[in-house]
Protein backbone atom coordinates (compact mmCIF):
# COMPACT_ATOMS: atom_id res chain seq x y z
CA MET A 1 -19.91 23.02 -37.05
CA ARG A 2 -20.72 22.55 -33.15
CA LEU A 3 -18.30 24.32 -30.83
CA ILE A 4 -17.74 20.87 -28.89
CA ARG A 5 -16.81 19.24 -32.15
CA ARG A 6 -13.62 21.86 -33.26
CA ILE A 7 -12.66 21.79 -29.49
CA PRO A 8 -9.46 19.14 -29.39
CA LYS A 9 -10.59 16.19 -26.81
CA LYS A 10 -7.64 15.17 -24.69
CA GLY A 11 -7.88 12.42 -22.03
CA PHE A 12 -9.44 11.20 -19.98
CA LYS A 13 -10.00 11.09 -16.01
CA THR A 14 -11.88 8.42 -14.30
CA PRO A 15 -13.71 9.83 -10.69
CA ASN A 16 -13.45 6.39 -9.31
CA GLN A 17 -10.63 5.70 -9.10
CA THR A 18 -8.80 3.71 -6.10
CA VAL A 19 -5.04 5.53 -5.02
CA TYR A 20 -3.00 2.87 -3.72
CA VAL A 21 0.28 4.48 -1.25
CA PRO A 22 2.83 1.62 -2.55
CA VAL A 23 4.94 -0.02 0.90
CA ASN A 24 7.69 -2.90 0.14
CA VAL A 25 7.83 -5.61 2.50
CA GLY A 26 11.99 -5.01 2.51
CA ASP A 27 10.81 -1.86 3.94
CA LEU A 28 9.39 -3.13 6.98
CA SER A 29 12.31 -4.97 8.60
CA ARG A 30 13.06 -1.64 10.00
CA PHE A 31 10.31 -2.44 12.92
CA ALA A 32 11.22 -4.83 15.94
CA ASP A 33 10.19 -8.55 15.95
CA GLY A 34 5.95 -8.61 17.02
CA THR A 35 5.35 -4.81 16.32
CA GLU A 36 1.83 -3.98 14.88
CA VAL A 37 2.62 -1.96 11.63
CA THR A 38 -0.68 0.49 10.86
CA VAL A 39 -1.36 3.34 8.91
CA SER A 40 -0.52 5.80 11.52
CA VAL A 41 2.93 3.54 12.36
CA LEU A 42 3.66 4.03 9.15
CA LYS A 43 3.47 7.42 8.29
CA GLU A 44 5.62 7.95 11.95
CA ALA A 45 8.51 6.24 9.88
CA GLY A 46 8.52 8.31 7.07
CA LEU A 47 7.53 5.38 4.84
CA VAL A 48 4.07 7.02 4.00
CA ARG A 49 3.24 10.42 2.12
CA GLY A 50 -0.13 11.44 1.54
CA ASN A 51 -3.62 10.64 2.28
CA GLY A 52 -3.51 7.10 -0.09
CA LYS A 53 -4.36 3.86 0.63
CA ILE A 54 -1.94 2.05 1.48
CA LYS A 55 -0.57 -1.27 -0.40
CA ILE A 56 2.08 -3.33 0.83
CA LEU A 57 3.92 -4.74 -2.14
CA GLY A 58 5.66 -8.12 -2.03
CA ASP A 59 9.07 -6.59 -3.04
CA GLY A 60 12.82 -7.26 -0.49
CA LYS A 61 12.85 -9.60 2.31
CA LEU A 62 11.23 -9.97 5.73
CA ASP A 63 12.64 -11.86 8.34
CA LYS A 64 10.81 -11.10 11.26
CA ARG A 65 6.96 -11.67 12.34
CA LEU A 66 5.06 -8.26 11.93
CA THR A 67 1.08 -8.33 12.28
CA VAL A 68 0.50 -6.11 9.33
CA LYS A 69 -2.52 -3.64 8.73
CA ALA A 70 -2.89 -2.36 5.51
CA CYS A 71 -5.97 -1.96 2.33
CA ALA A 72 -4.64 -4.33 0.33
CA PHE A 73 -1.91 -6.59 0.29
CA SER A 74 -0.18 -8.51 -2.89
CA ALA A 75 -0.18 -12.23 -3.61
CA GLY A 76 3.66 -11.88 -2.78
CA ALA A 77 3.69 -9.97 -0.30
CA ARG A 78 0.65 -11.72 2.37
CA ALA A 79 2.97 -14.92 1.39
CA LYS A 80 6.31 -12.76 2.23
CA ILE A 81 4.68 -12.17 5.20
CA GLU A 82 2.37 -15.62 7.04
CA ALA A 83 5.93 -17.29 5.54
CA THR A 84 7.94 -15.70 8.84
CA GLY A 85 5.25 -16.57 11.18
CA GLY A 86 3.24 -12.92 10.31
CA VAL A 87 -0.62 -12.00 10.16
CA CYS A 88 -2.47 -9.79 7.57
CA GLU A 89 -5.70 -7.35 7.56
CA VAL A 90 -6.65 -6.15 5.80
CA ALA A 91 -8.07 -2.36 7.99
CA THR A 92 -9.72 0.60 5.79
CA ASN A 93 -8.07 4.29 5.90
């Protein structure tokens, strides 16, 4: 029997997988009203670590009007940001 058939196969890898760094809407409430929240602002605030793309998730409350620039938004996060009069803009890292 050939060697490749005798070696156990474990798992698999997806080479083109997009890795997102999650940030909740509730975490954005620390910024002042009218702030433009970008990737660099999130890194300076300590909300993002690493070099993945940023996705805003809809967990938490938001009471401030913000302009948020991120790579992806969940439907709940987009609804909460736009309900306060804010703007969601899709940006690239």
